[in-house]
Amino acid sequence: MRGKRFEHSGGKALVEDCLTLDLAWLMRLGPIRDGQAGNGEVNWSVNGAPVGALRFRLDLQTVETARLTLYYSIARADGKRASVTQVIALTALPQHFGGHRWWMRCPATGERVRTLHMPLGGDRFAGRKAWGLAYRVERLTRFDRPFEKLFRAQRRLGGIQSLATGLERPKGMWRRTYRQHLERFAVFDLACAEKIAGLVRTR
């Protein structure tokens, strides 16, 4: 896996087109906290259609033995499915108010990361740099970027990507956290409205 890169006709593969694992998200799914271990399941979908799934075991019982184990399947060249077990090393930094802030180690580079990704056609989860991934926003014009930020906020909460759609609080999300998402969304929404108004004025 080390040094491997995936490319498509548009250049680098995009983070937004990958299956992505966020460690903080996995901890909330349990919920699994310091000193605990637990199991969970992740399902990805696009417009309601399933695109990927896996099971995981997250062990945070001690800093020395902490790890994330992933269980999933990938398509083989012969069209059949192959089962994969991937073990991700974890590391932690102590926080001033107690507990730890947990990180994953990229299996390819060893870097400390919060998210791991698997592009289309990939066979392992690894960090963004290891896969040579780009963010969609890096390809956008200045006019497009407020809209991408708005849509990203919607996708992050599993909502529909649309100018006519707001945000909905996911099941299990704290209301305080949701309010923070709403505040950022309002900023993005206003920026989009200003861009549209400017376009109308120039016509």
N, C-alpha and C. Protein backbone atom coordinates (compact mmCIF):
# COMPACT_ATOMS: atom_id res chain seq x y z
N MET A 1 0.83 -1.19 0.00
CA MET A 1 0.00 0.00 0.00
C MET A 1 0.87 1.25 0.00
N ARG A 2 2.05 1.21 0.63
CA ARG A 2 2.88 2.39 0.76
C ARG A 2 3.24 2.94 -0.62
N GLY A 3 3.00 4.23 -0.81
CA GLY A 3 3.35 4.88 -2.08
C GLY A 3 2.31 4.71 -3.16
N LYS A 4 1.25 3.99 -2.90
CA LYS A 4 0.24 3.73 -3.93
C LYS A 4 -0.61 4.96 -4.16
N ARG A 5 -1.02 5.20 -5.41
CA ARG A 5 -1.86 6.35 -5.74
C ARG A 5 -2.99 5.90 -6.66
N PHE A 6 -4.17 6.51 -6.49
CA PHE A 6 -5.29 6.26 -7.38
C PHE A 6 -5.59 7.51 -8.17
N GLU A 7 -5.73 7.41 -9.47
CA GLU A 7 -6.03 8.55 -10.32
C GLU A 7 -7.30 8.25 -11.12
N HIS A 8 -8.01 9.31 -11.51
CA HIS A 8 -9.13 9.13 -12.44
C HIS A 8 -8.98 10.15 -13.54
N SER A 9 -9.95 10.18 -14.45
CA SER A 9 -9.83 11.03 -15.64
C SER A 9 -9.71 12.50 -15.30
N GLY A 10 -10.19 12.92 -14.11
CA GLY A 10 -10.12 14.32 -13.72
C GLY A 10 -8.89 14.66 -12.92
N GLY A 11 -7.95 13.70 -12.77
CA GLY A 11 -6.76 13.95 -11.96
C GLY A 11 -6.82 13.14 -10.69
N LYS A 12 -6.49 13.77 -9.57
CA LYS A 12 -6.50 13.07 -8.30
C LYS A 12 -7.91 12.65 -7.90
N ALA A 13 -8.01 11.51 -7.20
CA ALA A 13 -9.29 11.12 -6.62
C ALA A 13 -9.65 12.12 -5.54
N LEU A 14 -10.94 12.25 -5.26
CA LEU A 14 -11.43 13.25 -4.31
C LEU A 14 -11.77 12.60 -2.97
N VAL A 15 -11.49 13.32 -1.89
CA VAL A 15 -11.85 12.86 -0.56
C VAL A 15 -13.36 12.60 -0.49
N GLU A 16 -14.14 13.51 -1.09
CA GLU A 16 -15.60 13.41 -0.99
C GLU A 16 -16.17 12.20 -1.71
N ASP A 17 -15.40 11.57 -2.60
CA ASP A 17 -15.86 10.40 -3.32
C ASP A 17 -15.40 9.10 -2.68
N CYS A 18 -14.73 9.19 -1.54
CA CYS A 18 -14.19 8.01 -0.86
C CYS A 18 -15.10 7.55 0.28
N LEU A 19 -14.90 6.31 0.71
CA LEU A 19 -15.44 5.87 1.99
C LEU A 19 -14.51 6.43 3.06
N THR A 20 -15.06 7.13 4.03
CA THR A 20 -14.24 7.83 5.01
C THR A 20 -14.61 7.40 6.43
N LEU A 21 -13.59 7.19 7.24
CA LEU A 21 -13.76 6.86 8.65
C LEU A 21 -13.21 7.99 9.49
N ASP A 22 -14.04 8.52 10.37
CA ASP A 22 -13.63 9.56 11.31
C ASP A 22 -13.63 8.94 12.70
N LEU A 23 -12.50 9.01 13.39
CA LEU A 23 -12.38 8.34 14.68
C LEU A 23 -13.37 8.88 15.70
N ALA A 24 -13.55 10.20 15.75
CA ALA A 24 -14.50 10.78 16.70
C ALA A 24 -15.91 10.28 16.42
N TRP A 25 -16.24 10.12 15.15
CA TRP A 25 -17.55 9.60 14.75
C TRP A 25 -17.72 8.17 15.24
N LEU A 26 -16.69 7.34 15.08
CA LEU A 26 -16.78 5.95 15.52
C LEU A 26 -16.95 5.88 17.04
N MET A 27 -16.27 6.77 17.76
CA MET A 27 -16.40 6.77 19.22
C MET A 27 -17.81 7.13 19.64
N ARG A 28 -18.45 8.03 18.89
CA ARG A 28 -19.84 8.42 19.22
C ARG A 28 -20.83 7.31 18.90
N LEU A 29 -20.53 6.47 17.91
CA LEU A 29 -21.47 5.43 17.51
C LEU A 29 -21.70 4.43 18.64
N GLY A 30 -20.64 4.19 19.47
CA GLY A 30 -20.74 3.20 20.54
C GLY A 30 -21.84 3.49 21.56
N PRO A 31 -21.74 4.56 22.36
CA PRO A 31 -20.54 5.39 22.44
C PRO A 31 -19.43 4.64 23.15
N ILE A 32 -18.18 4.90 22.74
CA ILE A 32 -17.01 4.24 23.31
C ILE A 32 -16.06 5.33 23.80
N ARG A 33 -15.70 5.27 25.08
CA ARG A 33 -14.87 6.30 25.68
C ARG A 33 -13.56 5.71 26.21
N ASP A 34 -12.72 6.59 26.76
CA ASP A 34 -11.46 6.14 27.37
C ASP A 34 -11.72 4.97 28.32
N GLY A 35 -10.86 3.96 28.23
CA GLY A 35 -10.98 2.83 29.14
C GLY A 35 -12.01 1.80 28.73
N GLN A 36 -12.64 1.99 27.57
CA GLN A 36 -13.69 1.09 27.12
C GLN A 36 -13.32 0.44 25.78
N ALA A 37 -14.06 -0.60 25.44
CA ALA A 37 -13.96 -1.23 24.13
C ALA A 37 -15.37 -1.57 23.68
N GLY A 38 -15.59 -1.55 22.38
CA GLY A 38 -16.93 -1.85 21.88
C GLY A 38 -16.92 -2.11 20.39
N ASN A 39 -18.06 -2.59 19.92
CA ASN A 39 -18.22 -2.92 18.51
C ASN A 39 -19.25 -2.01 17.87
N GLY A 40 -19.18 -1.90 16.56
CA GLY A 40 -20.16 -1.09 15.84
C GLY A 40 -20.18 -1.42 14.37
N GLU A 41 -21.02 -0.73 13.66
CA GLU A 41 -21.20 -0.95 12.23
C GLU A 41 -21.34 0.40 11.54
N VAL A 42 -20.74 0.52 10.36
CA VAL A 42 -20.82 1.75 9.58
C VAL A 42 -21.42 1.41 8.22
N ASN A 43 -22.36 2.24 7.78
CA ASN A 43 -22.95 2.08 6.45
C ASN A 43 -22.87 3.42 5.72
N TRP A 44 -22.39 3.37 4.48
CA TRP A 44 -22.34 4.57 3.65
C TRP A 44 -23.41 4.49 2.57
N SER A 45 -24.00 5.64 2.25
CA SER A 45 -25.00 5.67 1.18
C SER A 45 -24.91 6.99 0.44
N VAL A 46 -25.35 6.99 -0.80
CA VAL A 46 -25.43 8.19 -1.62
C VAL A 46 -26.84 8.28 -2.16
N ASN A 47 -27.54 9.37 -1.79
CA ASN A 47 -28.94 9.55 -2.20
C ASN A 47 -29.79 8.34 -1.82
N GLY A 48 -29.50 7.77 -0.65
CA GLY A 48 -30.28 6.66 -0.15
C GLY A 48 -29.84 5.30 -0.64
N ALA A 49 -28.92 5.23 -1.59
CA ALA A 49 -28.45 3.95 -2.13
C ALA A 49 -27.17 3.53 -1.40
N PRO A 50 -27.11 2.31 -0.85
CA PRO A 50 -25.91 1.87 -0.12
C PRO A 50 -24.70 1.76 -1.04
N VAL A 51 -23.55 2.23 -0.57
CA VAL A 51 -22.32 2.16 -1.36
C VAL A 51 -21.19 1.46 -0.60
N GLY A 52 -21.38 1.16 0.67
CA GLY A 52 -20.34 0.48 1.43
C GLY A 52 -20.77 0.23 2.86
N ALA A 53 -20.13 -0.75 3.49
CA ALA A 53 -20.45 -1.08 4.88
C ALA A 53 -19.28 -1.82 5.50
N LEU A 54 -19.16 -1.71 6.80
CA LEU A 54 -18.15 -2.49 7.52
C LEU A 54 -18.55 -2.62 8.98
N ARG A 55 -17.94 -3.58 9.64
CA ARG A 55 -18.05 -3.73 11.08
C ARG A 55 -16.71 -3.32 11.70
N PHE A 56 -16.73 -2.88 12.95
CA PHE A 56 -15.48 -2.49 13.58
C PHE A 56 -15.49 -2.83 15.06
N ARG A 57 -14.29 -2.97 15.61
CA ARG A 57 -14.11 -3.07 17.05
C ARG A 57 -13.11 -2.01 17.46
N LEU A 58 -13.51 -1.15 18.38
CA LEU A 58 -12.68 -0.07 18.85
C LEU A 58 -12.28 -0.34 20.30
N ASP A 59 -10.98 -0.48 20.54
CA ASP A 59 -10.46 -0.82 21.87
C ASP A 59 -9.66 0.35 22.41
N LEU A 60 -10.20 1.04 23.41
CA LEU A 60 -9.54 2.18 24.04
C LEU A 60 -9.25 1.90 25.52
N GLN A 61 -9.08 0.61 25.85
CA GLN A 61 -8.93 0.24 27.25
C GLN A 61 -7.61 0.76 27.84
N THR A 62 -6.55 0.72 27.05
CA THR A 62 -5.28 1.31 27.49
C THR A 62 -4.61 1.97 26.29
N VAL A 63 -3.80 2.99 26.55
CA VAL A 63 -3.10 3.67 25.47
C VAL A 63 -2.14 2.72 24.77
N GLU A 64 -1.52 1.83 25.52
CA GLU A 64 -0.52 0.93 24.96
C GLU A 64 -1.11 -0.10 24.02
N THR A 65 -2.34 -0.53 24.27
CA THR A 65 -2.93 -1.60 23.46
C THR A 65 -4.07 -1.11 22.56
N ALA A 66 -4.33 0.18 22.54
CA ALA A 66 -5.47 0.72 21.79
C ALA A 66 -5.34 0.42 20.29
N ARG A 67 -6.44 0.04 19.67
CA ARG A 67 -6.43 -0.21 18.24
C ARG A 67 -7.86 -0.23 17.71
N LEU A 68 -7.95 -0.05 16.41
CA LEU A 68 -9.22 -0.11 15.70
C LEU A 68 -9.12 -1.25 14.69
N THR A 69 -10.04 -2.19 14.78
CA THR A 69 -10.03 -3.34 13.86
C THR A 69 -11.25 -3.24 12.95
N LEU A 70 -11.01 -3.29 11.64
CA LEU A 70 -12.06 -3.16 10.64
C LEU A 70 -12.31 -4.50 9.96
N TYR A 71 -13.59 -4.79 9.72
CA TYR A 71 -13.97 -6.02 9.01
C TYR A 71 -14.86 -5.63 7.84
N TYR A 72 -14.42 -5.91 6.63
CA TYR A 72 -15.20 -5.54 5.45
C TYR A 72 -14.83 -6.45 4.29
N SER A 73 -15.48 -6.27 3.16
CA SER A 73 -15.18 -7.07 1.98
C SER A 73 -14.90 -6.14 0.80
N ILE A 74 -14.09 -6.63 -0.14
CA ILE A 74 -13.76 -5.88 -1.35
C ILE A 74 -13.99 -6.77 -2.57
N ALA A 75 -14.18 -6.15 -3.72
CA ALA A 75 -14.37 -6.90 -4.96
C ALA A 75 -13.02 -7.37 -5.49
N ARG A 76 -12.93 -8.63 -5.87
CA ARG A 76 -11.72 -9.17 -6.47
C ARG A 76 -11.79 -9.06 -7.98
N ALA A 77 -10.68 -9.32 -8.63
CA ALA A 77 -10.62 -9.23 -10.09
C ALA A 77 -11.57 -10.21 -10.76
N ASP A 78 -11.84 -11.36 -10.09
CA ASP A 78 -12.74 -12.36 -10.67
C ASP A 78 -14.20 -12.06 -10.39
N GLY A 79 -14.48 -10.90 -9.78
CA GLY A 79 -15.86 -10.51 -9.51
C GLY A 79 -16.39 -10.99 -8.18
N LYS A 80 -15.66 -11.85 -7.48
CA LYS A 80 -16.09 -12.34 -6.18
C LYS A 80 -15.67 -11.36 -5.09
N ARG A 81 -16.19 -11.57 -3.88
CA ARG A 81 -15.87 -10.72 -2.75
C ARG A 81 -14.82 -11.40 -1.87
N ALA A 82 -13.91 -10.60 -1.36
CA ALA A 82 -12.89 -11.11 -0.45
C ALA A 82 -13.03 -10.41 0.89
N SER A 83 -12.99 -11.18 1.98
CA SER A 83 -13.09 -10.61 3.32
C SER A 83 -11.74 -10.03 3.74
N VAL A 84 -11.78 -8.87 4.38
CA VAL A 84 -10.57 -8.18 4.81
C VAL A 84 -10.68 -7.83 6.29
N THR A 85 -9.62 -8.06 7.03
CA THR A 85 -9.51 -7.59 8.40
C THR A 85 -8.32 -6.64 8.46
N GLN A 86 -8.56 -5.39 8.81
CA GLN A 86 -7.49 -4.38 8.85
C GLN A 86 -7.39 -3.83 10.26
N VAL A 87 -6.20 -3.85 10.82
CA VAL A 87 -5.96 -3.34 12.17
C VAL A 87 -5.26 -2.00 12.08
N ILE A 88 -5.86 -0.99 12.70
CA ILE A 88 -5.32 0.38 12.69
C ILE A 88 -4.77 0.70 14.07
N ALA A 89 -3.51 1.08 14.13
CA ALA A 89 -2.91 1.48 15.41
C ALA A 89 -3.46 2.84 15.84
N LEU A 90 -3.65 3.01 17.14
CA LEU A 90 -4.14 4.27 17.69
C LEU A 90 -3.09 4.87 18.62
N THR A 91 -3.15 6.16 18.76
CA THR A 91 -2.30 6.86 19.70
C THR A 91 -3.13 7.93 20.40
N ALA A 92 -2.65 8.44 21.51
CA ALA A 92 -3.45 9.40 22.28
C ALA A 92 -2.56 10.46 22.90
N LEU A 93 -3.13 11.65 23.02
CA LEU A 93 -2.47 12.75 23.72
C LEU A 93 -3.33 13.13 24.91
N PRO A 94 -2.72 13.28 26.09
CA PRO A 94 -3.51 13.67 27.28
C PRO A 94 -4.05 15.09 27.12
N GLN A 95 -5.25 15.30 27.64
CA GLN A 95 -5.88 16.62 27.60
C GLN A 95 -5.80 17.27 28.98
N HIS A 96 -5.75 18.60 28.99
CA HIS A 96 -5.59 19.33 30.24
C HIS A 96 -6.72 19.07 31.22
N PHE A 97 -7.94 18.86 30.70
CA PHE A 97 -9.10 18.67 31.57
C PHE A 97 -9.38 17.19 31.84
N GLY A 98 -8.42 16.33 31.51
CA GLY A 98 -8.58 14.90 31.77
C GLY A 98 -8.91 14.11 30.51
N GLY A 99 -8.60 12.83 30.56
CA GLY A 99 -8.86 11.98 29.41
C GLY A 99 -7.82 12.16 28.32
N HIS A 100 -8.12 11.62 27.15
CA HIS A 100 -7.19 11.67 26.03
C HIS A 100 -7.88 12.13 24.76
N ARG A 101 -7.08 12.67 23.87
CA ARG A 101 -7.54 12.95 22.50
C ARG A 101 -6.93 11.87 21.62
N TRP A 102 -7.79 11.08 21.00
CA TRP A 102 -7.34 9.90 20.27
C TRP A 102 -7.10 10.21 18.79
N TRP A 103 -6.11 9.53 18.24
CA TRP A 103 -5.76 9.66 16.83
C TRP A 103 -5.52 8.27 16.25
N MET A 104 -5.67 8.15 14.94
CA MET A 104 -5.29 6.94 14.23
C MET A 104 -3.91 7.14 13.59
N ARG A 105 -3.20 6.05 13.39
CA ARG A 105 -1.96 6.08 12.65
C ARG A 105 -2.23 5.60 11.23
N CYS A 106 -1.87 6.42 10.24
CA CYS A 106 -2.06 5.99 8.86
C CYS A 106 -1.24 4.72 8.63
N PRO A 107 -1.85 3.64 8.14
CA PRO A 107 -1.11 2.39 7.92
C PRO A 107 0.02 2.51 6.90
N ALA A 108 -0.07 3.50 6.01
CA ALA A 108 0.94 3.65 4.96
C ALA A 108 2.09 4.56 5.37
N THR A 109 1.77 5.68 6.04
CA THR A 109 2.80 6.69 6.34
C THR A 109 3.17 6.75 7.81
N GLY A 110 2.32 6.19 8.67
CA GLY A 110 2.55 6.28 10.11
C GLY A 110 2.15 7.62 10.70
N GLU A 111 1.63 8.53 9.87
CA GLU A 111 1.22 9.85 10.36
C GLU A 111 0.02 9.76 11.27
N ARG A 112 -0.07 10.70 12.19
CA ARG A 112 -1.22 10.80 13.08
C ARG A 112 -2.35 11.49 12.33
N VAL A 113 -3.50 10.83 12.20
CA VAL A 113 -4.61 11.37 11.42
C VAL A 113 -5.92 11.17 12.16
N ARG A 114 -6.90 12.01 11.83
CA ARG A 114 -8.24 11.86 12.41
C ARG A 114 -9.16 11.06 11.49
N THR A 115 -8.85 11.04 10.20
CA THR A 115 -9.70 10.34 9.24
C THR A 115 -8.87 9.44 8.34
N LEU A 116 -9.48 8.34 7.90
CA LEU A 116 -8.90 7.42 6.93
C LEU A 116 -9.87 7.29 5.76
N HIS A 117 -9.33 7.00 4.59
CA HIS A 117 -10.16 6.97 3.38
C HIS A 117 -9.85 5.75 2.53
N MET A 118 -10.86 5.31 1.79
CA MET A 118 -10.67 4.27 0.78
C MET A 118 -11.31 4.75 -0.52
N PRO A 119 -10.50 5.04 -1.55
CA PRO A 119 -11.06 5.47 -2.84
C PRO A 119 -11.73 4.32 -3.57
N LEU A 120 -12.47 4.64 -4.59
CA LEU A 120 -13.08 3.63 -5.45
C LEU A 120 -11.97 2.75 -6.02
N GLY A 121 -12.10 1.44 -5.86
CA GLY A 121 -11.09 0.53 -6.35
C GLY A 121 -9.99 0.24 -5.35
N GLY A 122 -10.03 0.91 -4.17
CA GLY A 122 -9.02 0.68 -3.15
C GLY A 122 -9.27 -0.62 -2.39
N ASP A 123 -8.26 -1.05 -1.65
CA ASP A 123 -8.40 -2.29 -0.88
C ASP A 123 -8.07 -2.11 0.59
N ARG A 124 -7.68 -0.90 0.99
CA ARG A 124 -7.35 -0.62 2.39
C ARG A 124 -7.70 0.83 2.71
N PHE A 125 -7.95 1.08 3.99
CA PHE A 125 -8.13 2.46 4.45
C PHE A 125 -6.76 3.04 4.79
N ALA A 126 -6.54 4.28 4.40
CA ALA A 126 -5.28 4.97 4.69
C ALA A 126 -5.54 6.46 4.70
N GLY A 127 -4.53 7.25 5.08
CA GLY A 127 -4.68 8.69 5.16
C GLY A 127 -4.77 9.35 3.79
N ARG A 128 -5.21 10.61 3.81
CA ARG A 128 -5.40 11.36 2.57
C ARG A 128 -4.10 11.50 1.78
N LYS A 129 -3.00 11.79 2.46
CA LYS A 129 -1.73 11.96 1.77
C LYS A 129 -1.26 10.65 1.15
N ALA A 130 -1.49 9.54 1.84
CA ALA A 130 -1.06 8.25 1.32
C ALA A 130 -1.74 7.91 0.00
N TRP A 131 -3.01 8.28 -0.12
CA TRP A 131 -3.75 8.01 -1.35
C TRP A 131 -3.60 9.13 -2.37
N GLY A 132 -2.97 10.25 -1.99
CA GLY A 132 -2.85 11.37 -2.93
C GLY A 132 -4.18 12.01 -3.26
N LEU A 133 -5.06 12.13 -2.24
CA LEU A 133 -6.41 12.64 -2.46
C LEU A 133 -6.45 14.16 -2.45
N ALA A 134 -7.38 14.72 -3.20
CA ALA A 134 -7.62 16.16 -3.20
C ALA A 134 -9.03 16.41 -2.66
N TYR A 135 -9.24 17.62 -2.13
CA TYR A 135 -10.58 18.04 -1.74
C TYR A 135 -11.26 18.70 -2.94
N ARG A 136 -12.56 18.46 -3.07
CA ARG A 136 -13.30 19.04 -4.19
C ARG A 136 -13.18 20.56 -4.22
N VAL A 137 -13.14 21.15 -3.04
CA VAL A 137 -13.08 22.61 -2.96
C VAL A 137 -11.81 23.16 -3.60
N GLU A 138 -10.75 22.35 -3.68
CA GLU A 138 -9.51 22.81 -4.30
C GLU A 138 -9.66 23.04 -5.79
N ARG A 139 -10.71 22.46 -6.39
CA ARG A 139 -10.92 22.61 -7.83
C ARG A 139 -11.97 23.66 -8.18
N LEU A 140 -12.57 24.24 -7.16
CA LEU A 140 -13.67 25.15 -7.40
C LEU A 140 -13.19 26.57 -7.65
N THR A 141 -13.99 27.31 -8.40
CA THR A 141 -13.72 28.72 -8.57
C THR A 141 -14.16 29.44 -7.30
N ARG A 142 -13.79 30.70 -7.17
CA ARG A 142 -14.17 31.47 -5.98
C ARG A 142 -15.69 31.54 -5.85
N PHE A 143 -16.40 31.61 -6.97
CA PHE A 143 -17.86 31.69 -6.92
C PHE A 143 -18.44 30.39 -6.35
N ASP A 144 -17.83 29.25 -6.70
CA ASP A 144 -18.39 27.96 -6.32
C ASP A 144 -18.15 27.59 -4.86
N ARG A 145 -17.11 28.11 -4.26
CA ARG A 145 -16.69 27.61 -2.95
C ARG A 145 -17.72 27.77 -1.84
N PRO A 146 -18.45 28.88 -1.74
CA PRO A 146 -19.47 28.95 -0.68
C PRO A 146 -20.52 27.85 -0.81
N PHE A 147 -20.84 27.47 -2.06
CA PHE A 147 -21.84 26.43 -2.27
C PHE A 147 -21.30 25.07 -1.83
N GLU A 148 -20.03 24.82 -2.13
CA GLU A 148 -19.44 23.54 -1.70
C GLU A 148 -19.39 23.45 -0.18
N LYS A 149 -19.10 24.55 0.50
CA LYS A 149 -19.09 24.54 1.96
C LYS A 149 -20.49 24.24 2.51
N LEU A 150 -21.49 24.83 1.87
CA LEU A 150 -22.87 24.59 2.27
C LEU A 150 -23.24 23.13 2.08
N PHE A 151 -22.92 22.58 0.89
CA PHE A 151 -23.26 21.19 0.59
C PHE A 151 -22.47 20.23 1.48
N ARG A 152 -21.22 20.59 1.80
CA ARG A 152 -20.42 19.72 2.65
C ARG A 152 -21.03 19.62 4.04
N ALA A 153 -21.56 20.75 4.54
CA ALA A 153 -22.21 20.74 5.84
C ALA A 153 -23.42 19.82 5.83
N GLN A 154 -24.16 19.81 4.72
CA GLN A 154 -25.32 18.93 4.60
C GLN A 154 -24.90 17.47 4.53
N ARG A 155 -23.85 17.18 3.74
CA ARG A 155 -23.38 15.81 3.61
C ARG A 155 -22.84 15.28 4.93
N ARG A 156 -22.17 16.14 5.68
CA ARG A 156 -21.56 15.72 6.94
C ARG A 156 -22.60 15.19 7.92
N LEU A 157 -23.81 15.73 7.86
CA LEU A 157 -24.88 15.29 8.75
C LEU A 157 -25.80 14.28 8.07
N GLY A 158 -25.39 13.79 6.89
CA GLY A 158 -26.18 12.78 6.21
C GLY A 158 -27.42 13.29 5.54
N GLY A 159 -27.46 14.61 5.27
CA GLY A 159 -28.66 15.20 4.66
C GLY A 159 -28.58 15.27 3.15
N ILE A 160 -29.61 15.84 2.56
CA ILE A 160 -29.69 15.99 1.11
C ILE A 160 -28.93 17.25 0.70
N GLN A 161 -28.14 17.14 -0.36
CA GLN A 161 -27.36 18.27 -0.85
C GLN A 161 -28.23 19.12 -1.76
N SER A 162 -28.64 20.28 -1.26
CA SER A 162 -29.54 21.13 -2.03
C SER A 162 -29.60 22.52 -1.42
N LEU A 163 -29.74 23.55 -2.28
CA LEU A 163 -29.91 24.92 -1.78
C LEU A 163 -31.25 25.09 -1.08
N ALA A 164 -32.20 24.25 -1.42
CA ALA A 164 -33.54 24.38 -0.86
C ALA A 164 -33.72 23.58 0.43
N THR A 165 -32.65 22.93 0.87
CA THR A 165 -32.73 22.07 2.05
C THR A 165 -31.83 22.58 3.16
N GLY A 166 -32.32 22.54 4.37
CA GLY A 166 -31.50 22.96 5.52
C GLY A 166 -30.77 21.79 6.12
N LEU A 167 -30.66 21.76 7.45
CA LEU A 167 -30.01 20.68 8.17
C LEU A 167 -31.02 19.98 9.06
N GLU A 168 -30.77 18.71 9.31
CA GLU A 168 -31.56 17.95 10.27
C GLU A 168 -30.62 17.31 11.28
N ARG A 169 -31.01 17.32 12.54
CA ARG A 169 -30.15 16.76 13.58
C ARG A 169 -30.14 15.24 13.51
N PRO A 170 -28.96 14.62 13.29
CA PRO A 170 -28.88 13.16 13.26
C PRO A 170 -29.23 12.56 14.62
N LYS A 171 -29.76 11.39 14.60
CA LYS A 171 -30.09 10.69 15.84
C LYS A 171 -28.83 10.49 16.66
N GLY A 172 -28.88 10.86 17.93
CA GLY A 172 -27.76 10.67 18.82
C GLY A 172 -26.83 11.87 18.93
N MET A 173 -26.98 12.86 18.05
CA MET A 173 -26.11 14.04 18.13
C MET A 173 -26.59 14.96 19.24
N TRP A 174 -25.66 15.44 20.05
CA TRP A 174 -26.02 16.38 21.11
C TRP A 174 -26.59 17.64 20.51
N ARG A 175 -27.57 18.22 21.20
CA ARG A 175 -28.21 19.45 20.72
C ARG A 175 -27.20 20.60 20.65
N ARG A 176 -26.28 20.66 21.60
CA ARG A 176 -25.27 21.72 21.58
C ARG A 176 -24.39 21.61 20.33
N THR A 177 -24.00 20.37 20.00
CA THR A 177 -23.19 20.15 18.79
C THR A 177 -23.98 20.53 17.55
N TYR A 178 -25.27 20.17 17.52
CA TYR A 178 -26.11 20.49 16.37
C TYR A 178 -26.26 22.00 16.21
N ARG A 179 -26.39 22.73 17.32
CA ARG A 179 -26.49 24.19 17.24
C ARG A 179 -25.24 24.79 16.62
N GLN A 180 -24.09 24.22 16.95
CA GLN A 180 -22.83 24.69 16.35
C GLN A 180 -22.82 24.47 14.85
N HIS A 181 -23.33 23.31 14.40
CA HIS A 181 -23.45 23.05 12.97
C HIS A 181 -24.40 24.05 12.31
N LEU A 182 -25.51 24.34 12.99
CA LEU A 182 -26.49 25.29 12.45
C LEU A 182 -25.89 26.68 12.29
N GLU A 183 -25.09 27.09 13.26
CA GLU A 183 -24.48 28.42 13.19
C GLU A 183 -23.53 28.52 11.99
N ARG A 184 -22.71 27.49 11.77
CA ARG A 184 -21.81 27.50 10.62
C ARG A 184 -22.60 27.44 9.32
N PHE A 185 -23.68 26.63 9.32
CA PHE A 185 -24.51 26.50 8.12
C PHE A 185 -25.13 27.84 7.75
N ALA A 186 -25.55 28.60 8.75
CA ALA A 186 -26.17 29.90 8.49
C ALA A 186 -25.18 30.84 7.80
N VAL A 187 -23.91 30.77 8.19
CA VAL A 187 -22.88 31.59 7.56
C VAL A 187 -22.71 31.20 6.10
N PHE A 188 -22.64 29.90 5.83
CA PHE A 188 -22.49 29.42 4.46
C PHE A 188 -23.71 29.78 3.61
N ASP A 189 -24.90 29.64 4.22
CA ASP A 189 -26.14 29.94 3.51
C ASP A 189 -26.19 31.41 3.11
N LEU A 190 -25.77 32.30 4.01
CA LEU A 190 -25.75 33.73 3.70
C LEU A 190 -24.76 34.03 2.58
N ALA A 191 -23.58 33.40 2.61
CA ALA A 191 -22.58 33.62 1.57
C ALA A 191 -23.10 33.18 0.21
N CYS A 192 -23.84 32.07 0.16
CA CYS A 192 -24.42 31.60 -1.09
C CYS A 192 -25.48 32.58 -1.60
N ALA A 193 -26.30 33.08 -0.68
CA ALA A 193 -27.34 34.03 -1.08
C ALA A 193 -26.72 35.30 -1.67
N GLU A 194 -25.61 35.74 -1.08
CA GLU A 194 -24.93 36.94 -1.59
C GLU A 194 -24.35 36.69 -2.97
N LYS A 195 -23.82 35.50 -3.20
CA LYS A 195 -23.27 35.16 -4.51
C LYS A 195 -24.37 35.14 -5.57
N ILE A 196 -25.51 34.56 -5.22
CA ILE A 196 -26.63 34.50 -6.16
C ILE A 196 -27.15 35.89 -6.45
N ALA A 197 -27.25 36.73 -5.40
CA ALA A 197 -27.73 38.10 -5.59
C ALA A 197 -26.78 38.87 -6.50
N GLY A 198 -25.47 38.67 -6.32
CA GLY A 198 -24.50 39.35 -7.17
C GLY A 198 -24.61 38.91 -8.60
N LEU A 199 -24.89 37.61 -8.82
CA LEU A 199 -25.04 37.12 -10.19
C LEU A 199 -26.25 37.74 -10.86
N VAL A 200 -27.34 37.86 -10.09
CA VAL A 200 -28.57 38.45 -10.64
C VAL A 200 -28.34 39.92 -11.01
N ARG A 201 -27.60 40.63 -10.15
CA ARG A 201 -27.37 42.06 -10.42
C ARG A 201 -26.54 42.29 -11.66
N THR A 202 -25.69 41.34 -12.01
CA THR A 202 -24.81 41.53 -13.18
C THR A 202 -25.49 41.18 -14.49
N ARG A 203 -26.69 40.66 -14.44
CA ARG A 203 -27.37 40.26 -15.68
C ARG A 203 -28.18 41.43 -16.25
